[in-house]
ModelCIF file with pLDDT and N, C-alpha, C, O atoms, coordinates in Angstrom:
data_MODEL
#
_entry.id   MODEL 
#
_entity.id                         1 
_entity.type                       polymer 
_entity.pdbx_number_of_molecules   1 
#
_entity_poly.entity_id                      1 
_entity_poly.type                           'polypeptide(L)' 
_entity_poly.nstd_linkage                   no 
_entity_poly.nstd_monomer                   no 
_entity_poly.pdbx_seq_one_letter_code       HSMNYRSVVVHGTARTVTDPQERRIALDAIVDQVVAGRS 
_entity_poly.pdbx_seq_one_letter_code_can   HSMNYRSVVVHGTARTVTDPQERRIALDAIVDQVVAGRS 
_entity_poly.pdbx_strand_id                 A 
#
loop_
_entity_poly_seq.entity_id 
_entity_poly_seq.num 
_entity_poly_seq.mon_id 
_entity_poly_seq.hetero 
1 1  HIS n 
1 2  SER n 
1 3  MET n 
1 4  ASN n 
1 5  TYR n 
1 6  ARG n 
1 7  SER n 
1 8  VAL n 
1 9  VAL n 
1 10 VAL n 
1 11 HIS n 
1 12 GLY n 
1 13 THR n 
1 14 ALA n 
1 15 ARG n 
1 16 THR n 
1 17 VAL n 
1 18 THR n 
1 19 ASP n 
1 20 PRO n 
1 21 GLN n 
1 22 GLU n 
1 23 ARG n 
1 24 ARG n 
1 25 ILE n 
1 26 ALA n 
1 27 LEU n 
1 28 ASP n 
1 29 ALA n 
1 30 ILE n 
1 31 VAL n 
1 32 ASP n 
1 33 GLN n 
1 34 VAL n 
1 35 VAL n 
1 36 ALA n 
1 37 GLY n 
1 38 ARG n 
1 39 SER n 
#
_struct_asym.id          A 
_struct_asym.entity_id   1 
#
loop_
_ma_qa_metric.id 
_ma_qa_metric.mode 
_ma_qa_metric.name 
_ma_qa_metric.software_group_id 
_ma_qa_metric.type 
1 global pLDDT . pLDDT 
2 local  pLDDT . pLDDT 
#
_ma_qa_metric_global.metric_id      1 
_ma_qa_metric_global.metric_value   94.90 
_ma_qa_metric_global.model_id       1 
_ma_qa_metric_global.ordinal_id     1 
#
loop_
_ma_qa_metric_local.label_asym_id 
_ma_qa_metric_local.label_comp_id 
_ma_qa_metric_local.label_seq_id 
_ma_qa_metric_local.metric_id 
_ma_qa_metric_local.metric_value 
_ma_qa_metric_local.model_id 
_ma_qa_metric_local.ordinal_id 
A HIS 1  2 97.00 1 1  
A SER 2  2 97.00 1 2  
A MET 3  2 97.00 1 3  
A ASN 4  2 98.00 1 4  
A TYR 5  2 97.00 1 5  
A ARG 6  2 98.00 1 6  
A SER 7  2 97.00 1 7  
A VAL 8  2 98.00 1 8  
A VAL 9  2 98.00 1 9  
A VAL 10 2 98.00 1 10 
A HIS 11 2 97.00 1 11 
A GLY 12 2 96.00 1 12 
A THR 13 2 94.00 1 13 
A ALA 14 2 94.00 1 14 
A ARG 15 2 91.00 1 15 
A THR 16 2 91.00 1 16 
A VAL 17 2 92.00 1 17 
A THR 18 2 90.00 1 18 
A ASP 19 2 93.00 1 19 
A PRO 20 2 92.00 1 20 
A GLN 21 2 93.00 1 21 
A GLU 22 2 95.00 1 22 
A ARG 23 2 94.00 1 23 
A ARG 24 2 93.00 1 24 
A ILE 25 2 95.00 1 25 
A ALA 26 2 96.00 1 26 
A LEU 27 2 96.00 1 27 
A ASP 28 2 96.00 1 28 
A ALA 29 2 97.00 1 29 
A ILE 30 2 96.00 1 30 
A VAL 31 2 96.00 1 31 
A ASP 32 2 96.00 1 32 
A GLN 33 2 95.00 1 33 
A VAL 34 2 92.00 1 34 
A VAL 35 2 93.00 1 35 
A ALA 36 2 92.00 1 36 
A GLY 37 2 93.00 1 37 
A ARG 38 2 94.00 1 38 
A SER 39 2 94.00 1 39 
#
loop_
_atom_site.group_PDB 
_atom_site.id 
_atom_site.type_symbol 
_atom_site.label_atom_id 
_atom_site.label_alt_id 
_atom_site.label_comp_id 
_atom_site.label_asym_id 
_atom_site.label_entity_id 
_atom_site.label_seq_id 
_atom_site.pdbx_PDB_ins_code 
_atom_site.Cartn_x 
_atom_site.Cartn_y 
_atom_site.Cartn_z 
_atom_site.occupancy 
_atom_site.B_iso_or_equiv 
_atom_site.pdbx_formal_charge 
_atom_site.auth_seq_id 
_atom_site.auth_comp_id 
_atom_site.auth_asym_id 
_atom_site.auth_atom_id 
_atom_site.pdbx_PDB_model_num 
ATOM 1   N N  . HIS A 1 1  ? -19.867 -9.475  -24.238 1.00 97.00 ? 1  HIS A N  1 
ATOM 2   C CA . HIS A 1 1  ? -19.224 -10.165 -23.096 1.00 97.00 ? 1  HIS A CA 1 
ATOM 3   C C  . HIS A 1 1  ? -18.469 -9.107  -22.272 1.00 97.00 ? 1  HIS A C  1 
ATOM 4   O O  . HIS A 1 1  ? -17.920 -8.135  -22.790 1.00 97.00 ? 1  HIS A O  1 
ATOM 5   N N  . SER A 1 2  ? -18.481 -9.363  -20.965 1.00 97.00 ? 2  SER A N  1 
ATOM 6   C CA . SER A 1 2  ? -17.721 -8.302  -20.104 1.00 97.00 ? 2  SER A CA 1 
ATOM 7   C C  . SER A 1 2  ? -17.325 -9.019  -18.808 1.00 97.00 ? 2  SER A C  1 
ATOM 8   O O  . SER A 1 2  ? -17.372 -10.245 -18.712 1.00 97.00 ? 2  SER A O  1 
ATOM 9   N N  . MET A 1 3  ? -16.934 -8.215  -17.820 1.00 97.00 ? 3  MET A N  1 
ATOM 10  C CA . MET A 1 3  ? -16.740 -8.690  -16.570 1.00 97.00 ? 3  MET A CA 1 
ATOM 11  C C  . MET A 1 3  ? -17.224 -7.681  -15.530 1.00 97.00 ? 3  MET A C  1 
ATOM 12  O O  . MET A 1 3  ? -17.254 -6.470  -15.750 1.00 97.00 ? 3  MET A O  1 
ATOM 13  N N  . ASN A 1 4  ? -17.612 -8.270  -14.346 1.00 98.00 ? 4  ASN A N  1 
ATOM 14  C CA . ASN A 1 4  ? -17.971 -7.425  -13.238 1.00 98.00 ? 4  ASN A CA 1 
ATOM 15  C C  . ASN A 1 4  ? -16.627 -7.267  -12.399 1.00 98.00 ? 4  ASN A C  1 
ATOM 16  O O  . ASN A 1 4  ? -15.908 -8.219  -12.093 1.00 98.00 ? 4  ASN A O  1 
ATOM 17  N N  . TYR A 1 5  ? -16.390 -5.967  -12.074 1.00 97.00 ? 5  TYR A N  1 
ATOM 18  C CA . TYR A 1 5  ? -15.036 -5.686  -11.477 1.00 97.00 ? 5  TYR A CA 1 
ATOM 19  C C  . TYR A 1 5  ? -15.130 -4.436  -10.610 1.00 97.00 ? 5  TYR A C  1 
ATOM 20  O O  . TYR A 1 5  ? -16.103 -3.686  -10.682 1.00 97.00 ? 5  TYR A O  1 
ATOM 21  N N  . ARG A 1 6  ? -14.166 -4.237  -9.840  1.00 98.00 ? 6  ARG A N  1 
ATOM 22  C CA . ARG A 1 6  ? -13.909 -3.060  -9.013  1.00 98.00 ? 6  ARG A CA 1 
ATOM 23  C C  . ARG A 1 6  ? -12.445 -2.663  -9.238  1.00 98.00 ? 6  ARG A C  1 
ATOM 24  O O  . ARG A 1 6  ? -11.526 -3.476  -9.141  1.00 98.00 ? 6  ARG A O  1 
ATOM 25  N N  . SER A 1 7  ? -12.281 -1.414  -9.533  1.00 97.00 ? 7  SER A N  1 
ATOM 26  C CA . SER A 1 7  ? -10.911 -0.986  -9.770  1.00 97.00 ? 7  SER A CA 1 
ATOM 27  C C  . SER A 1 7  ? -10.672 0.403   -9.252  1.00 97.00 ? 7  SER A C  1 
ATOM 28  O O  . SER A 1 7  ? -11.633 1.159   -9.112  1.00 97.00 ? 7  SER A O  1 
ATOM 29  N N  . VAL A 1 8  ? -9.454  0.786   -8.960  1.00 98.00 ? 8  VAL A N  1 
ATOM 30  C CA . VAL A 1 8  ? -8.937  1.991   -8.567  1.00 98.00 ? 8  VAL A CA 1 
ATOM 31  C C  . VAL A 1 8  ? -7.723  2.440   -9.395  1.00 98.00 ? 8  VAL A C  1 
ATOM 32  O O  . VAL A 1 8  ? -6.785  1.668   -9.594  1.00 98.00 ? 8  VAL A O  1 
ATOM 33  N N  . VAL A 1 9  ? -7.745  3.677   -9.871  1.00 98.00 ? 9  VAL A N  1 
ATOM 34  C CA . VAL A 1 9  ? -6.557  4.269   -10.535 1.00 98.00 ? 9  VAL A CA 1 
ATOM 35  C C  . VAL A 1 9  ? -6.197  5.508   -9.850  1.00 98.00 ? 9  VAL A C  1 
ATOM 36  O O  . VAL A 1 9  ? -7.023  6.397   -9.641  1.00 98.00 ? 9  VAL A O  1 
ATOM 37  N N  . VAL A 1 10 ? -4.822  5.584   -9.456  1.00 98.00 ? 10 VAL A N  1 
ATOM 38  C CA . VAL A 1 10 ? -4.231  6.638   -8.740  1.00 98.00 ? 10 VAL A CA 1 
ATOM 39  C C  . VAL A 1 10 ? -3.165  7.247   -9.640  1.00 98.00 ? 10 VAL A C  1 
ATOM 40  O O  . VAL A 1 10 ? -2.299  6.555   -10.174 1.00 98.00 ? 10 VAL A O  1 
ATOM 41  N N  . HIS A 1 11 ? -3.258  8.593   -9.792  1.00 97.00 ? 11 HIS A N  1 
ATOM 42  C CA . HIS A 1 11 ? -2.197  9.337   -10.534 1.00 97.00 ? 11 HIS A CA 1 
ATOM 43  C C  . HIS A 1 11 ? -1.450  10.206  -9.555  1.00 97.00 ? 11 HIS A C  1 
ATOM 44  O O  . HIS A 1 11 ? -2.082  10.687  -8.614  1.00 97.00 ? 11 HIS A O  1 
ATOM 45  N N  . GLY A 1 12 ? -0.229  10.439  -9.682  1.00 96.00 ? 12 GLY A N  1 
ATOM 46  C CA . GLY A 1 12 ? 0.521   11.233  -8.711  1.00 96.00 ? 12 GLY A CA 1 
ATOM 47  C C  . GLY A 1 12 ? 2.024   11.183  -8.915  1.00 96.00 ? 12 GLY A C  1 
ATOM 48  O O  . GLY A 1 12 ? 2.563   10.677  -9.899  1.00 96.00 ? 12 GLY A O  1 
ATOM 49  N N  . THR A 1 13 ? 2.626   11.733  -7.935  1.00 94.00 ? 13 THR A N  1 
ATOM 50  C CA . THR A 1 13 ? 4.175   11.810  -7.870  1.00 94.00 ? 13 THR A CA 1 
ATOM 51  C C  . THR A 1 13 ? 4.686   10.887  -6.632  1.00 94.00 ? 13 THR A C  1 
ATOM 52  O O  . THR A 1 13 ? 4.362   11.170  -5.478  1.00 94.00 ? 13 THR A O  1 
ATOM 53  N N  . ALA A 1 14 ? 5.353   9.973   -6.883  1.00 94.00 ? 14 ALA A N  1 
ATOM 54  C CA . ALA A 1 14 ? 5.957   9.166   -5.893  1.00 94.00 ? 14 ALA A CA 1 
ATOM 55  C C  . ALA A 1 14 ? 7.299   9.711   -5.402  1.00 94.00 ? 14 ALA A C  1 
ATOM 56  O O  . ALA A 1 14 ? 8.132   10.158  -6.191  1.00 94.00 ? 14 ALA A O  1 
ATOM 57  N N  . ARG A 1 15 ? 7.484   9.665   -4.115  1.00 91.00 ? 15 ARG A N  1 
ATOM 58  C CA . ARG A 1 15 ? 8.739   10.164  -3.518  1.00 91.00 ? 15 ARG A CA 1 
ATOM 59  C C  . ARG A 1 15 ? 9.322   9.188   -2.489  1.00 91.00 ? 15 ARG A C  1 
ATOM 60  O O  . ARG A 1 15 ? 8.595   8.419   -1.861  1.00 91.00 ? 15 ARG A O  1 
ATOM 61  N N  . THR A 1 16 ? 10.585  9.235   -2.338  1.00 91.00 ? 16 THR A N  1 
ATOM 62  C CA . THR A 1 16 ? 11.251  8.356   -1.315  1.00 91.00 ? 16 THR A CA 1 
ATOM 63  C C  . THR A 1 16 ? 10.842  8.776   0.103   1.00 91.00 ? 16 THR A C  1 
ATOM 64  O O  . THR A 1 16 ? 10.765  9.969   0.395   1.00 91.00 ? 16 THR A O  1 
ATOM 65  N N  . VAL A 1 17 ? 10.586  7.816   0.968   1.00 92.00 ? 17 VAL A N  1 
ATOM 66  C CA . VAL A 1 17 ? 10.370  7.992   2.324   1.00 92.00 ? 17 VAL A CA 1 
ATOM 67  C C  . VAL A 1 17 ? 11.661  7.850   3.092   1.00 92.00 ? 17 VAL A C  1 
ATOM 68  O O  . VAL A 1 17 ? 12.288  6.794   3.004   1.00 92.00 ? 17 VAL A O  1 
ATOM 69  N N  . THR A 1 18 ? 12.085  8.811   3.817   1.00 90.00 ? 18 THR A N  1 
ATOM 70  C CA . THR A 1 18 ? 13.390  8.886   4.561   1.00 90.00 ? 18 THR A CA 1 
ATOM 71  C C  . THR A 1 18 ? 13.135  8.891   6.037   1.00 90.00 ? 18 THR A C  1 
ATOM 72  O O  . THR A 1 18 ? 13.998  8.374   6.746   1.00 90.00 ? 18 THR A O  1 
ATOM 73  N N  . ASP A 1 19 ? 12.089  9.394   6.586   1.00 93.00 ? 19 ASP A N  1 
ATOM 74  C CA . ASP A 1 19 ? 11.764  9.529   7.987   1.00 93.00 ? 19 ASP A CA 1 
ATOM 75  C C  . ASP A 1 19 ? 11.726  8.022   8.524   1.00 93.00 ? 19 ASP A C  1 
ATOM 76  O O  . ASP A 1 19 ? 10.965  7.217   7.989   1.00 93.00 ? 19 ASP A O  1 
ATOM 77  N N  . PRO A 1 20 ? 12.498  7.676   9.513   1.00 92.00 ? 20 PRO A N  1 
ATOM 78  C CA . PRO A 1 20 ? 12.488  6.257   10.084  1.00 92.00 ? 20 PRO A CA 1 
ATOM 79  C C  . PRO A 1 20 ? 11.200  5.762   10.601  1.00 92.00 ? 20 PRO A C  1 
ATOM 80  O O  . PRO A 1 20 ? 10.870  4.585   10.451  1.00 92.00 ? 20 PRO A O  1 
ATOM 81  N N  . GLN A 1 21 ? 10.429  6.673   11.235  1.00 93.00 ? 21 GLN A N  1 
ATOM 82  C CA . GLN A 1 21 ? 9.252   6.235   11.807  1.00 93.00 ? 21 GLN A CA 1 
ATOM 83  C C  . GLN A 1 21 ? 8.142   5.985   10.708  1.00 93.00 ? 21 GLN A C  1 
ATOM 84  O O  . GLN A 1 21 ? 7.329   5.067   10.810  1.00 93.00 ? 21 GLN A O  1 
ATOM 85  N N  . GLU A 1 22 ? 8.170   6.846   9.680   1.00 95.00 ? 22 GLU A N  1 
ATOM 86  C CA . GLU A 1 22 ? 7.313   6.620   8.515   1.00 95.00 ? 22 GLU A CA 1 
ATOM 87  C C  . GLU A 1 22 ? 7.630   5.281   7.796   1.00 95.00 ? 22 GLU A C  1 
ATOM 88  O O  . GLU A 1 22 ? 6.763   4.490   7.427   1.00 95.00 ? 22 GLU A O  1 
ATOM 89  N N  . ARG A 1 23 ? 8.930   5.117   7.643   1.00 94.00 ? 23 ARG A N  1 
ATOM 90  C CA . ARG A 1 23 ? 9.330   3.790   7.095   1.00 94.00 ? 23 ARG A CA 1 
ATOM 91  C C  . ARG A 1 23 ? 8.818   2.582   7.807   1.00 94.00 ? 23 ARG A C  1 
ATOM 92  O O  . ARG A 1 23 ? 8.332   1.630   7.197   1.00 94.00 ? 23 ARG A O  1 
ATOM 93  N N  . ARG A 1 24 ? 8.935   2.633   9.113   1.00 93.00 ? 24 ARG A N  1 
ATOM 94  C CA . ARG A 1 24 ? 8.471   1.517   9.790   1.00 93.00 ? 24 ARG A CA 1 
ATOM 95  C C  . ARG A 1 24 ? 7.003   1.260   9.777   1.00 93.00 ? 24 ARG A C  1 
ATOM 96  O O  . ARG A 1 24 ? 6.567   0.109   9.770   1.00 93.00 ? 24 ARG A O  1 
ATOM 97  N N  . ILE A 1 25 ? 6.173   2.395   9.774   1.00 95.00 ? 25 ILE A N  1 
ATOM 98  C CA . ILE A 1 25 ? 4.699   2.384   9.562   1.00 95.00 ? 25 ILE A CA 1 
ATOM 99  C C  . ILE A 1 25 ? 4.516   1.759   8.162   1.00 95.00 ? 25 ILE A C  1 
ATOM 100 O O  . ILE A 1 25 ? 3.691   0.853   8.039   1.00 95.00 ? 25 ILE A O  1 
ATOM 101 N N  . ALA A 1 26 ? 5.200   2.163   7.148   1.00 96.00 ? 26 ALA A N  1 
ATOM 102 C CA . ALA A 1 26 ? 4.939   1.830   5.860   1.00 96.00 ? 26 ALA A CA 1 
ATOM 103 C C  . ALA A 1 26 ? 5.169   0.302   5.566   1.00 96.00 ? 26 ALA A C  1 
ATOM 104 O O  . ALA A 1 26 ? 4.399   -0.373  4.883   1.00 96.00 ? 26 ALA A O  1 
ATOM 105 N N  . LEU A 1 27 ? 6.313   -0.161  6.158   1.00 96.00 ? 27 LEU A N  1 
ATOM 106 C CA . LEU A 1 27 ? 6.710   -1.607  5.984   1.00 96.00 ? 27 LEU A CA 1 
ATOM 107 C C  . LEU A 1 27 ? 5.713   -2.492  6.679   1.00 96.00 ? 27 LEU A C  1 
ATOM 108 O O  . LEU A 1 27 ? 5.311   -3.540  6.173   1.00 96.00 ? 27 LEU A O  1 
ATOM 109 N N  . ASP A 1 28 ? 5.306   -2.020  7.913   1.00 96.00 ? 28 ASP A N  1 
ATOM 110 C CA . ASP A 1 28 ? 4.315   -2.911  8.638   1.00 96.00 ? 28 ASP A CA 1 
ATOM 111 C C  . ASP A 1 28 ? 2.976   -2.860  7.881   1.00 96.00 ? 28 ASP A C  1 
ATOM 112 O O  . ASP A 1 28 ? 2.265   -3.865  7.886   1.00 96.00 ? 28 ASP A O  1 
ATOM 113 N N  . ALA A 1 29 ? 2.582   -1.720  7.214   1.00 97.00 ? 29 ALA A N  1 
ATOM 114 C CA . ALA A 1 29 ? 1.320   -1.720  6.471   1.00 97.00 ? 29 ALA A CA 1 
ATOM 115 C C  . ALA A 1 29 ? 1.420   -2.649  5.306   1.00 97.00 ? 29 ALA A C  1 
ATOM 116 O O  . ALA A 1 29 ? 0.444   -3.326  4.985   1.00 97.00 ? 29 ALA A O  1 
ATOM 117 N N  . ILE A 1 30 ? 2.590   -2.719  4.634   1.00 96.00 ? 30 ILE A N  1 
ATOM 118 C CA . ILE A 1 30 ? 2.755   -3.568  3.435   1.00 96.00 ? 30 ILE A CA 1 
ATOM 119 C C  . ILE A 1 30 ? 2.626   -5.064  3.797   1.00 96.00 ? 30 ILE A C  1 
ATOM 120 O O  . ILE A 1 30 ? 2.070   -5.842  3.022   1.00 96.00 ? 30 ILE A O  1 
ATOM 121 N N  . VAL A 1 31 ? 3.123   -5.445  4.934   1.00 96.00 ? 31 VAL A N  1 
ATOM 122 C CA . VAL A 1 31 ? 3.026   -6.765  5.458   1.00 96.00 ? 31 VAL A CA 1 
ATOM 123 C C  . VAL A 1 31 ? 1.568   -7.151  5.773   1.00 96.00 ? 31 VAL A C  1 
ATOM 124 O O  . VAL A 1 31 ? 1.039   -8.182  5.356   1.00 96.00 ? 31 VAL A O  1 
ATOM 125 N N  . ASP A 1 32 ? 0.916   -6.142  6.617   1.00 96.00 ? 32 ASP A N  1 
ATOM 126 C CA . ASP A 1 32 ? -0.414  -6.404  6.969   1.00 96.00 ? 32 ASP A CA 1 
ATOM 127 C C  . ASP A 1 32 ? -1.412  -6.320  5.774   1.00 96.00 ? 32 ASP A C  1 
ATOM 128 O O  . ASP A 1 32 ? -2.561  -6.745  5.897   1.00 96.00 ? 32 ASP A O  1 
ATOM 129 N N  . GLN A 1 33 ? -0.981  -5.796  4.679   1.00 95.00 ? 33 GLN A N  1 
ATOM 130 C CA . GLN A 1 33 ? -1.860  -5.719  3.502   1.00 95.00 ? 33 GLN A CA 1 
ATOM 131 C C  . GLN A 1 33 ? -2.014  -7.113  2.999   1.00 95.00 ? 33 GLN A C  1 
ATOM 132 O O  . GLN A 1 33 ? -3.045  -7.393  2.387   1.00 95.00 ? 33 GLN A O  1 
ATOM 133 N N  . VAL A 1 34 ? -1.027  -8.081  3.208   1.00 92.00 ? 34 VAL A N  1 
ATOM 134 C CA . VAL A 1 34 ? -1.111  -9.365  2.743   1.00 92.00 ? 34 VAL A CA 1 
ATOM 135 C C  . VAL A 1 34 ? -2.016  -10.202 3.693   1.00 92.00 ? 34 VAL A C  1 
ATOM 136 O O  . VAL A 1 34 ? -2.952  -10.861 3.241   1.00 92.00 ? 34 VAL A O  1 
ATOM 137 N N  . VAL A 1 35 ? -1.728  -10.163 4.967   1.00 93.00 ? 35 VAL A N  1 
ATOM 138 C CA . VAL A 1 35 ? -2.562  -10.731 6.055   1.00 93.00 ? 35 VAL A CA 1 
ATOM 139 C C  . VAL A 1 35 ? -2.562  -9.783  7.193   1.00 93.00 ? 35 VAL A C  1 
ATOM 140 O O  . VAL A 1 35 ? -1.521  -9.400  7.726   1.00 93.00 ? 35 VAL A O  1 
ATOM 141 N N  . ALA A 1 36 ? -3.704  -9.427  7.540   1.00 92.00 ? 36 ALA A N  1 
ATOM 142 C CA . ALA A 1 36 ? -3.933  -8.303  8.721   1.00 92.00 ? 36 ALA A CA 1 
ATOM 143 C C  . ALA A 1 36 ? -3.365  -9.003  9.896   1.00 92.00 ? 36 ALA A C  1 
ATOM 144 O O  . ALA A 1 36 ? -3.646  -10.177 10.138  1.00 92.00 ? 36 ALA A O  1 
ATOM 145 N N  . GLY A 1 37 ? -2.565  -8.288  10.633  1.00 93.00 ? 37 GLY A N  1 
ATOM 146 C CA . GLY A 1 37 ? -2.012  -8.708  11.932  1.00 93.00 ? 37 GLY A CA 1 
ATOM 147 C C  . GLY A 1 37 ? -0.639  -9.328  11.821  1.00 93.00 ? 37 GLY A C  1 
ATOM 148 O O  . GLY A 1 37 ? 0.021   -9.550  12.836  1.00 93.00 ? 37 GLY A O  1 
ATOM 149 N N  . ARG A 1 38 ? -0.185  -9.620  10.583  1.00 94.00 ? 38 ARG A N  1 
ATOM 150 C CA . ARG A 1 38 ? 1.149   -10.372 10.392  1.00 94.00 ? 38 ARG A CA 1 
ATOM 151 C C  . ARG A 1 38 ? 2.256   -9.572  10.882  1.00 94.00 ? 38 ARG A C  1 
ATOM 152 O O  . ARG A 1 38 ? 3.188   -10.162 11.429  1.00 94.00 ? 38 ARG A O  1 
ATOM 153 N N  . SER A 1 39 ? 2.283   -8.310  10.761  1.00 94.00 ? 39 SER A N  1 
ATOM 154 C CA . SER A 1 39 ? 3.389   -7.516  11.066  1.00 94.00 ? 39 SER A CA 1 
ATOM 155 C C  . SER A 1 39 ? 3.788   -7.643  12.617  1.00 94.00 ? 39 SER A C  1 
ATOM 156 O O  . SER A 1 39 ? 4.744   -7.009  13.063  1.00 94.00 ? 39 SER A O  1 
#
């Protein structure tokens, strides 16, 4: 027994974003990830 699936694994180092423009881009991207165009 099994499952058909698609997965991604990312390894790395996470760092805080402090640049105001990048923060705005990032927050819009998170909102649009839920529903495209929502931001």
